[in-house]
Amino acid sequence: MMINNYPYQIFLTKNDARPCQWLLLHGFMGSHHDFDDIKLDLPGEVLTVDLLGFGSRVPDVVDVSRFKMANQIDDLRSILVSLHWQNVNLLGYSMGGRLALGFALMYPDLVKNLYLESTTAGLKTVSERQARITADEIKAQAILENFPKFVDNWAQLPLFETQQLLSSSKKDHIRQQRLSQNPTNVANSLRKMGTGAQPDFWSKLSDLEIPTQVIVGELDNKFNAIANQMIQLIPNVQKAVIPNAGHNTHVEQPKLFVEALNVSN
């Protein structure tokens, strides 16, 4: 689907006739395949998408400003409008969760329920954001200099330690998916839509009237702490903790993840 001169890859799964429409947004170096283990277990229709610059064998995004969150939010709106979708269940993981939150704040009339998995509302101070931008630029250079090395180092971050317990085939699938990405796009995504580059949404959380579920892994201490701060500010919110899971709860514990989702609305 051509959206604002970019060829988005979108994939629609029709599970049953229930009137539910889901939009699932993957994380950094991910793709629509991130949700293969859960998409068949969700009611209604499920739309997965390769976010801007991600997915296998995608072209360079020449205009790097396209990676800015505001532009990607507009792209998602255009996708939903083209499909005549509204009142969607919007679920985002990590980077995709930051994008989902930004979308829900910008276009609340298009979102029925919001599901934020292992994500944040941004960084609260200028100094924190500047430090992250500097750190992400170093990462971007590493991506461009030796992408396979960056991918392997990324997998060894403490944030993903629990993924070492996944099966060898699953770990290899995740690694190959990351290696199949376009390094130039990966670097520019980090530069323009990393946590330091994105807006600070903390002050806007109290305005979020959409029913929201904040989902974290039991073993992810960092994002449990962030989730606890977020649920103090969002008016209509529930928190779900996925047992025996770290950062990527829907991959590490897909059945428990789906069971924990509040789909009663």
C-alpha atoms as a PDB file:
ATOM      1  CA  MET A   1       0.000   0.000   0.000  1.00  0.00           C
ATOM      2  CA  MET A   2       1.519   3.322  -1.091  1.00  0.00           C
ATOM      3  CA  ILE A   3       1.183   5.851   1.737  1.00  0.00           C
ATOM      4  CA  ASN A   4       2.771   9.290   1.363  1.00  0.00           C
ATOM      5  CA  ASN A   5       5.114   7.911  -1.312  1.00  0.00           C
ATOM      6  CA  TYR A   6       6.292   4.963   0.791  1.00  0.00           C
ATOM      7  CA  PRO A   7       5.382   1.332  -0.059  1.00  0.00           C
ATOM      8  CA  TYR A   8       3.985   0.014   3.223  1.00  0.00           C
ATOM      9  CA  GLN A   9       3.605  -3.742   3.595  1.00  0.00           C
ATOM     10  CA  ILE A  10       0.367  -4.490   5.435  1.00  0.00           C
ATOM     11  CA  PHE A  11      -1.173  -7.871   6.230  1.00  0.00           C
ATOM     12  CA  LEU A  12      -4.804  -8.497   7.162  1.00  0.00           C
ATOM     13  CA  THR A  13      -5.858 -11.627   9.053  1.00  0.00           C
ATOM     14  CA  LYS A  14      -9.583 -12.364   9.382  1.00  0.00           C
ATOM     15  CA  ASN A  15     -10.115 -14.698  12.332  1.00  0.00           C
ATOM     16  CA  ASP A  16     -13.876 -14.560  12.850  1.00  0.00           C
ATOM     17  CA  ALA A  17     -16.959 -12.398  12.410  1.00  0.00           C
ATOM     18  CA  ARG A  18     -16.729 -10.591  15.728  1.00  0.00           C
ATOM     19  CA  PRO A  19     -16.718  -6.793  15.269  1.00  0.00           C
ATOM     20  CA  CYS A  20     -13.149  -6.221  16.446  1.00  0.00           C
ATOM     21  CA  GLN A  21     -10.377  -4.569  14.470  1.00  0.00           C
ATOM     22  CA  TRP A  22      -6.784  -4.763  15.720  1.00  0.00           C
ATOM     23  CA  LEU A  23      -3.731  -2.824  14.615  1.00  0.00           C
ATOM     24  CA  LEU A  24      -0.466  -4.280  15.944  1.00  0.00           C
ATOM     25  CA  LEU A  25       2.766  -2.241  15.900  1.00  0.00           C
ATOM     26  CA  HIS A  26       6.122  -3.995  16.245  1.00  0.00           C
ATOM     27  CA  GLY A  27       9.294  -2.883  17.976  1.00  0.00           C
ATOM     28  CA  PHE A  28      12.755  -1.736  16.829  1.00  0.00           C
ATOM     29  CA  MET A  29      14.281  -4.030  14.164  1.00  0.00           C
ATOM     30  CA  GLY A  30      11.004  -5.952  14.054  1.00  0.00           C
ATOM     31  CA  SER A  31       8.380  -6.619  11.403  1.00  0.00           C
ATOM     32  CA  HIS A  32       4.799  -7.825  11.039  1.00  0.00           C
ATOM     33  CA  HIS A  33       6.130 -11.317  11.823  1.00  0.00           C
ATOM     34  CA  ASP A  34       6.620 -10.218  15.454  1.00  0.00           C
ATOM     35  CA  PHE A  35       2.972 -11.048  16.087  1.00  0.00           C
ATOM     36  CA  ASP A  36       2.752 -14.407  14.304  1.00  0.00           C
ATOM     37  CA  ASP A  37       2.358 -16.224  17.635  1.00  0.00           C
ATOM     38  CA  ILE A  38      -0.670 -14.196  18.774  1.00  0.00           C
ATOM     39  CA  LYS A  39      -2.521 -12.792  15.760  1.00  0.00           C
ATOM     40  CA  LEU A  40      -4.614 -15.922  15.156  1.00  0.00           C
ATOM     41  CA  ASP A  41      -5.868 -15.844  18.762  1.00  0.00           C
ATOM     42  CA  LEU A  42      -7.351 -12.347  18.648  1.00  0.00           C
ATOM     43  CA  PRO A  43     -11.043 -11.819  17.883  1.00  0.00           C
ATOM     44  CA  GLY A  44     -12.171 -10.241  14.623  1.00  0.00           C
ATOM     45  CA  GLU A  45      -9.701  -8.801  12.109  1.00  0.00           C
ATOM     46  CA  VAL A  46      -5.995  -8.213  12.753  1.00  0.00           C
ATOM     47  CA  LEU A  47      -3.830  -5.804  10.777  1.00  0.00           C
ATOM     48  CA  THR A  48      -0.070  -6.123  11.053  1.00  0.00           C
ATOM     49  CA  VAL A  49       2.303  -3.772   9.298  1.00  0.00           C
ATOM     50  CA  ASP A  50       5.994  -3.318   8.632  1.00  0.00           C
ATOM     51  CA  LEU A  51       6.599   0.130  10.095  1.00  0.00           C
ATOM     52  CA  LEU A  52       8.444   2.758   8.067  1.00  0.00           C
ATOM     53  CA  GLY A  53      11.867   1.492   6.969  1.00  0.00           C
ATOM     54  CA  PHE A  54      11.492  -1.949   8.571  1.00  0.00           C
ATOM     55  CA  GLY A  55      10.914  -5.397   7.123  1.00  0.00           C
ATOM     56  CA  SER A  56      12.924  -7.489   4.675  1.00  0.00           C
ATOM     57  CA  ARG A  57      14.427  -5.964   1.550  1.00  0.00           C
ATOM     58  CA  VAL A  58      12.860  -2.527   1.911  1.00  0.00           C
ATOM     59  CA  PRO A  59      14.276   0.494   0.046  1.00  0.00           C
ATOM     60  CA  ASP A  60      16.199   3.299   1.673  1.00  0.00           C
ATOM     61  CA  VAL A  61      13.939   6.028   3.041  1.00  0.00           C
ATOM     62  CA  VAL A  62      15.664   8.936   1.323  1.00  0.00           C
ATOM     63  CA  ASP A  63      13.934  11.696   3.298  1.00  0.00           C
ATOM     64  CA  VAL A  64      15.087  10.835   6.824  1.00  0.00           C
ATOM     65  CA  SER A  65      12.615  13.312   8.346  1.00  0.00           C
ATOM     66  CA  ARG A  66       9.921  10.770   7.397  1.00  0.00           C
ATOM     67  CA  PHE A  67      11.032   8.742  10.429  1.00  0.00           C
ATOM     68  CA  LYS A  68       9.859  11.452  12.853  1.00  0.00           C
ATOM     69  CA  MET A  69       7.026  10.209  15.024  1.00  0.00           C
ATOM     70  CA  ALA A  70       4.541  12.840  13.837  1.00  0.00           C
ATOM     71  CA  ASN A  71       5.012  11.711  10.239  1.00  0.00           C
ATOM     72  CA  GLN A  72       4.609   8.035  11.109  1.00  0.00           C
ATOM     73  CA  ILE A  73       1.451   8.836  13.079  1.00  0.00           C
ATOM     74  CA  ASP A  74       0.032  10.479   9.967  1.00  0.00           C
ATOM     75  CA  ASP A  75       1.002   7.430   7.900  1.00  0.00           C
ATOM     76  CA  LEU A  76      -0.903   5.137  10.259  1.00  0.00           C
ATOM     77  CA  ARG A  77      -3.950   7.382  10.078  1.00  0.00           C
ATOM     78  CA  SER A  78      -3.801   7.248   6.273  1.00  0.00           C
ATOM     79  CA  ILE A  79      -3.650   3.443   6.382  1.00  0.00           C
ATOM     80  CA  LEU A  80      -6.714   3.247   8.638  1.00  0.00           C
ATOM     81  CA  VAL A  81      -8.633   5.770   6.558  1.00  0.00           C
ATOM     82  CA  SER A  82      -7.861   3.864   3.361  1.00  0.00           C
ATOM     83  CA  LEU A  83      -9.285   0.711   4.961  1.00  0.00           C
ATOM     84  CA  HIS A  84     -12.301   2.581   6.392  1.00  0.00           C
ATOM     85  CA  TRP A  85     -11.277   1.435   9.868  1.00  0.00           C
ATOM     86  CA  GLN A  86     -12.144   3.317  13.036  1.00  0.00           C
ATOM     87  CA  ASN A  87     -12.486   2.376  16.692  1.00  0.00           C
ATOM     88  CA  VAL A  88      -9.497   0.059  16.456  1.00  0.00           C
ATOM     89  CA  ASN A  89      -7.859  -1.902  19.227  1.00  0.00           C
ATOM     90  CA  LEU A  90      -4.354  -0.444  18.988  1.00  0.00           C
ATOM     91  CA  LEU A  91      -1.522  -2.542  20.408  1.00  0.00           C
ATOM     92  CA  GLY A  92       2.118  -1.511  20.324  1.00  0.00           C
ATOM     93  CA  TYR A  93       5.269  -3.158  21.652  1.00  0.00           C
ATOM     94  CA  SER A  94       8.288  -1.111  22.833  1.00  0.00           C
ATOM     95  CA  MET A  95       9.040   1.322  19.954  1.00  0.00           C
ATOM     96  CA  GLY A  96       5.634   0.433  18.512  1.00  0.00           C
ATOM     97  CA  GLY A  97       4.103   1.189  21.903  1.00  0.00           C
ATOM     98  CA  ARG A  98       5.580   4.689  21.872  1.00  0.00           C
ATOM     99  CA  LEU A  99       4.109   5.168  18.401  1.00  0.00           C
ATOM    100  CA  ALA A 100       0.740   3.759  19.511  1.00  0.00           C
ATOM    101  CA  LEU A 101       0.632   6.161  22.456  1.00  0.00           C
ATOM    102  CA  GLY A 102       1.448   9.113  20.223  1.00  0.00           C
ATOM    103  CA  PHE A 103      -1.242   8.031  17.761  1.00  0.00           C
ATOM    104  CA  ALA A 104      -3.880   7.650  20.486  1.00  0.00           C
ATOM    105  CA  LEU A 105      -3.118  11.123  21.818  1.00  0.00           C
ATOM    106  CA  MET A 106      -3.311  12.637  18.334  1.00  0.00           C
ATOM    107  CA  TYR A 107      -6.321  10.704  17.017  1.00  0.00           C
ATOM    108  CA  PRO A 108      -8.318   9.451  20.018  1.00  0.00           C
ATOM    109  CA  ASP A 109     -11.508   9.130  17.946  1.00  0.00           C
ATOM    110  CA  LEU A 110      -9.901   6.341  15.918  1.00  0.00           C
ATOM    111  CA  VAL A 111      -8.916   4.213  18.933  1.00  0.00           C
ATOM    112  CA  LYS A 112     -11.341   2.066  20.915  1.00  0.00           C
ATOM    113  CA  ASN A 113      -8.832   0.442  23.275  1.00  0.00           C
ATOM    114  CA  LEU A 114      -5.103   1.046  23.722  1.00  0.00           C
ATOM    115  CA  TYR A 115      -2.628  -1.690  24.670  1.00  0.00           C
ATOM    116  CA  LEU A 116       0.895  -0.554  25.585  1.00  0.00           C
ATOM    117  CA  GLU A 117       3.395  -3.405  25.917  1.00  0.00           C
ATOM    118  CA  SER A 118       6.779  -2.739  27.526  1.00  0.00           C
ATOM    119  CA  THR A 119       6.895   0.906  26.538  1.00  0.00           C
ATOM    120  CA  THR A 120       7.340   4.425  27.845  1.00  0.00           C
ATOM    121  CA  ALA A 121       5.880   7.897  27.442  1.00  0.00           C
ATOM    122  CA  GLY A 122       9.333   9.268  26.639  1.00  0.00           C
ATOM    123  CA  LEU A 123      11.990  11.075  28.627  1.00  0.00           C
ATOM    124  CA  LYS A 124      10.948  13.882  30.953  1.00  0.00           C
ATOM    125  CA  THR A 125      13.862  16.324  30.861  1.00  0.00           C
ATOM    126  CA  VAL A 126      15.869  18.062  28.151  1.00  0.00           C
ATOM    127  CA  SER A 127      19.101  16.690  29.606  1.00  0.00           C
ATOM    128  CA  GLU A 128      17.781  13.109  29.549  1.00  0.00           C
ATOM    129  CA  ARG A 129      16.635  13.482  25.953  1.00  0.00           C
ATOM    130  CA  GLN A 130      19.931  15.003  24.846  1.00  0.00           C
ATOM    131  CA  ALA A 131      21.925  12.237  26.525  1.00  0.00           C
ATOM    132  CA  ARG A 132      19.792   9.612  24.770  1.00  0.00           C
ATOM    133  CA  ILE A 133      20.149  11.346  21.392  1.00  0.00           C
ATOM    134  CA  THR A 134      23.935  11.301  21.839  1.00  0.00           C
ATOM    135  CA  ALA A 135      23.898   7.617  22.832  1.00  0.00           C
ATOM    136  CA  ASP A 136      21.614   6.733  19.918  1.00  0.00           C
ATOM    137  CA  GLU A 137      23.906   8.496  17.447  1.00  0.00           C
ATOM    138  CA  ILE A 138      26.749   6.275  18.645  1.00  0.00           C
ATOM    139  CA  LYS A 139      24.499   3.246  18.101  1.00  0.00           C
ATOM    140  CA  ALA A 140      23.541   4.526  14.639  1.00  0.00           C
ATOM    141  CA  GLN A 141      27.196   4.742  13.669  1.00  0.00           C
ATOM    142  CA  ALA A 142      27.747   1.199  14.939  1.00  0.00           C
ATOM    143  CA  ILE A 143      24.813   0.002  12.821  1.00  0.00           C
ATOM    144  CA  LEU A 144      26.311   1.506   9.684  1.00  0.00           C
ATOM    145  CA  GLU A 145      29.845   0.292  10.418  1.00  0.00           C
ATOM    146  CA  ASN A 146      29.071  -3.357  11.204  1.00  0.00           C
ATOM    147  CA  PHE A 147      25.392  -4.259  11.270  1.00  0.00           C
ATOM    148  CA  PRO A 148      25.782  -8.007  12.070  1.00  0.00           C
ATOM    149  CA  LYS A 149      27.966  -7.121  15.055  1.00  0.00           C
ATOM    150  CA  PHE A 150      25.391  -4.578  16.231  1.00  0.00           C
ATOM    151  CA  VAL A 151      22.605  -7.162  15.949  1.00  0.00           C
ATOM    152  CA  ASP A 152      24.538  -9.672  18.039  1.00  0.00           C
ATOM    153  CA  ASN A 153      25.432  -7.047  20.649  1.00  0.00           C
ATOM    154  CA  TRP A 154      21.789  -5.930  20.776  1.00  0.00           C
ATOM    155  CA  ALA A 155      20.657  -9.458  21.607  1.00  0.00           C
ATOM    156  CA  GLN A 156      23.057  -9.504  24.552  1.00  0.00           C
ATOM    157  CA  LEU A 157      21.594  -6.415  26.232  1.00  0.00           C
ATOM    158  CA  PRO A 158      20.317  -7.085  29.781  1.00  0.00           C
ATOM    159  CA  LEU A 159      16.849  -6.016  28.583  1.00  0.00           C
ATOM    160  CA  PHE A 160      16.677  -9.166  26.449  1.00  0.00           C
ATOM    161  CA  GLU A 161      18.371 -11.556  28.868  1.00  0.00           C
ATOM    162  CA  THR A 162      15.233 -13.660  29.351  1.00  0.00           C
ATOM    163  CA  GLN A 163      15.072 -14.347  25.615  1.00  0.00           C
ATOM    164  CA  GLN A 164      18.038 -16.643  26.052  1.00  0.00           C
ATOM    165  CA  LEU A 165      15.459 -19.124  27.392  1.00  0.00           C
ATOM    166  CA  LEU A 166      13.624 -19.226  24.062  1.00  0.00           C
ATOM    167  CA  SER A 167      14.075 -22.212  21.773  1.00  0.00           C
ATOM    168  CA  SER A 168      17.056 -22.181  19.425  1.00  0.00           C
ATOM    169  CA  SER A 169      14.743 -21.944  16.427  1.00  0.00           C
ATOM    170  CA  LYS A 170      12.914 -18.929  17.875  1.00  0.00           C
ATOM    171  CA  LYS A 171      16.170 -17.153  18.747  1.00  0.00           C
ATOM    172  CA  ASP A 172      17.495 -17.824  15.249  1.00  0.00           C
ATOM    173  CA  HIS A 173      14.263 -16.510  13.714  1.00  0.00           C
ATOM    174  CA  ILE A 174      14.573 -13.268  15.698  1.00  0.00           C
ATOM    175  CA  ARG A 175      18.227 -12.887  14.718  1.00  0.00           C
ATOM    176  CA  GLN A 176      17.563 -13.517  11.022  1.00  0.00           C
ATOM    177  CA  GLN A 177      14.695 -11.027  11.050  1.00  0.00           C
ATOM    178  CA  ARG A 178      16.986  -8.380  12.485  1.00  0.00           C
ATOM    179  CA  LEU A 179      19.746  -9.175   9.999  1.00  0.00           C
ATOM    180  CA  SER A 180      17.294  -8.867   7.101  1.00  0.00           C
ATOM    181  CA  GLN A 181      16.663  -5.202   7.890  1.00  0.00           C
ATOM    182  CA  ASN A 182      18.053  -2.273   5.900  1.00  0.00           C
ATOM    183  CA  PRO A 183      20.885  -0.879   8.095  1.00  0.00           C
ATOM    184  CA  THR A 184      20.525   2.673   6.776  1.00  0.00           C
ATOM    185  CA  ASN A 185      16.852   2.726   7.736  1.00  0.00           C
ATOM    186  CA  VAL A 186      17.533   1.144  11.124  1.00  0.00           C
ATOM    187  CA  ALA A 187      20.114   3.834  11.915  1.00  0.00           C
ATOM    188  CA  ASN A 188      17.850   6.673  10.783  1.00  0.00           C
ATOM    189  CA  SER A 189      14.877   5.307  12.708  1.00  0.00           C
ATOM    190  CA  LEU A 190      16.980   5.396  15.850  1.00  0.00           C
ATOM    191  CA  ARG A 191      18.061   8.957  15.088  1.00  0.00           C
ATOM    192  CA  LYS A 192      14.601  10.328  14.365  1.00  0.00           C
ATOM    193  CA  MET A 193      12.257   8.176  16.452  1.00  0.00           C
ATOM    194  CA  GLY A 194      14.414   6.963  19.298  1.00  0.00           C
ATOM    195  CA  THR A 195      13.246   7.689  22.833  1.00  0.00           C
ATOM    196  CA  GLY A 196      15.386  10.827  22.945  1.00  0.00           C
ATOM    197  CA  ALA A 197      14.051  12.184  19.654  1.00  0.00           C
ATOM    198  CA  GLN A 198      10.372  11.576  20.332  1.00  0.00           C
ATOM    199  CA  PRO A 199       8.107  14.040  22.186  1.00  0.00           C
ATOM    200  CA  ASP A 200       7.679  13.811  25.939  1.00  0.00           C
ATOM    201  CA  PHE A 201       4.141  12.474  26.450  1.00  0.00           C
ATOM    202  CA  TRP A 202       4.182  12.248  30.252  1.00  0.00           C
ATOM    203  CA  SER A 203       2.292  15.519  30.742  1.00  0.00           C
ATOM    204  CA  LYS A 204      -0.417  14.349  28.315  1.00  0.00           C
ATOM    205  CA  LEU A 205      -1.169  10.996  29.939  1.00  0.00           C
ATOM    206  CA  SER A 206      -3.839  12.532  32.180  1.00  0.00           C
ATOM    207  CA  ASP A 207      -5.716  13.598  29.028  1.00  0.00           C
ATOM    208  CA  LEU A 208      -5.860  10.030  27.695  1.00  0.00           C
ATOM    209  CA  GLU A 209      -9.493   8.985  28.112  1.00  0.00           C
ATOM    210  CA  ILE A 210      -9.248   5.814  25.994  1.00  0.00           C
ATOM    211  CA  PRO A 211      -9.449   2.543  27.973  1.00  0.00           C
ATOM    212  CA  THR A 212      -5.791   1.569  28.276  1.00  0.00           C
ATOM    213  CA  GLN A 213      -3.959  -1.567  29.337  1.00  0.00           C
ATOM    214  CA  VAL A 214      -0.287  -1.332  30.247  1.00  0.00           C
ATOM    215  CA  ILE A 215       1.421  -4.700  29.835  1.00  0.00           C
ATOM    216  CA  VAL A 216       4.834  -5.679  31.192  1.00  0.00           C
ATOM    217  CA  GLY A 217       6.820  -8.809  31.869  1.00  0.00           C
ATOM    218  CA  GLU A 218       7.266  -9.964  35.444  1.00  0.00           C
ATOM    219  CA  LEU A 219      11.045 -10.102  34.969  1.00  0.00           C
ATOM    220  CA  ASP A 220      11.413  -6.703  33.264  1.00  0.00           C
ATOM    221  CA  ASN A 221      12.261  -4.509  36.250  1.00  0.00           C
ATOM    222  CA  LYS A 222      12.966  -1.366  34.223  1.00  0.00           C
ATOM    223  CA  PHE A 223       9.631  -1.294  32.404  1.00  0.00           C
ATOM    224  CA  ASN A 224       7.680  -2.447  35.446  1.00  0.00           C
ATOM    225  CA  ALA A 225       8.870   0.727  37.158  1.00  0.00           C
ATOM    226  CA  ILE A 226       7.934   2.829  34.113  1.00  0.00           C
ATOM    227  CA  ALA A 227       4.525   1.131  33.933  1.00  0.00           C
ATOM    228  CA  ASN A 228       3.872   1.934  37.597  1.00  0.00           C
ATOM    229  CA  GLN A 229       4.485   5.608  36.870  1.00  0.00           C
ATOM    230  CA  MET A 230       2.255   5.566  33.782  1.00  0.00           C
ATOM    231  CA  ILE A 231      -0.726   3.957  35.518  1.00  0.00           C
ATOM    232  CA  GLN A 232      -0.674   6.715  38.142  1.00  0.00           C
ATOM    233  CA  LEU A 233      -1.415   9.252  35.399  1.00  0.00           C
ATOM    234  CA  ILE A 234      -3.714   7.521  32.883  1.00  0.00           C
ATOM    235  CA  PRO A 235      -7.346   7.876  34.040  1.00  0.00           C
ATOM    236  CA  ASN A 236      -8.870   4.664  32.615  1.00  0.00           C
ATOM    237  CA  VAL A 237      -6.096   2.113  32.931  1.00  0.00           C
ATOM    238  CA  GLN A 238      -5.296  -1.445  33.933  1.00  0.00           C
ATOM    239  CA  LYS A 239      -1.899  -3.031  34.399  1.00  0.00           C
ATOM    240  CA  ALA A 240      -1.182  -6.609  33.354  1.00  0.00           C
ATOM    241  CA  VAL A 241       1.972  -8.438  34.429  1.00  0.00           C
ATOM    242  CA  ILE A 242       2.920 -11.458  32.300  1.00  0.00           C
ATOM    243  CA  PRO A 243       4.489 -14.220  34.439  1.00  0.00           C
ATOM    244  CA  ASN A 244       7.939 -15.556  33.558  1.00  0.00           C
ATOM    245  CA  ALA A 245       8.460 -12.960  30.837  1.00  0.00           C
ATOM    246  CA  GLY A 246      10.949 -10.202  30.254  1.00  0.00           C
ATOM    247  CA  HIS A 247      10.703  -7.300  27.827  1.00  0.00           C
ATOM    248  CA  ASN A 248       9.034  -8.955  24.828  1.00  0.00           C
ATOM    249  CA  THR A 249       6.094 -10.574  26.576  1.00  0.00           C
ATOM    250  CA  HIS A 250       4.110 -11.580  23.489  1.00  0.00           C
ATOM    251  CA  VAL A 251       7.064 -13.541  22.112  1.00  0.00           C
ATOM    252  CA  GLU A 252       8.254 -15.053  25.379  1.00  0.00           C
ATOM    253  CA  GLN A 253       4.786 -16.023  26.691  1.00  0.00           C
ATOM    254  CA  PRO A 254       2.298 -15.709  23.809  1.00  0.00           C
ATOM    255  CA  LYS A 255      -0.534 -17.720  25.380  1.00  0.00           C
ATOM    256  CA  LEU A 256      -0.312 -15.872  28.707  1.00  0.00           C
ATOM    257  CA  PHE A 257      -0.123 -12.589  26.818  1.00  0.00           C
ATOM    258  CA  VAL A 258      -3.367 -13.226  24.920  1.00  0.00           C
ATOM    259  CA  GLU A 259      -5.092 -14.462  28.091  1.00  0.00           C
ATOM    260  CA  ALA A 260      -4.096 -11.252  29.889  1.00  0.00           C
ATOM    261  CA  LEU A 261      -5.475  -8.923  27.214  1.00  0.00           C
ATOM    262  CA  ASN A 262      -8.623  -7.162  28.309  1.00  0.00           C
ATOM    263  CA  VAL A 263     -10.908  -7.546  25.280  1.00  0.00           C
ATOM    264  CA  SER A 264     -14.157  -7.067  27.204  1.00  0.00           C
ATOM    265  CA  ASN A 265     -14.691  -3.645  25.637  1.00  0.00           C
END
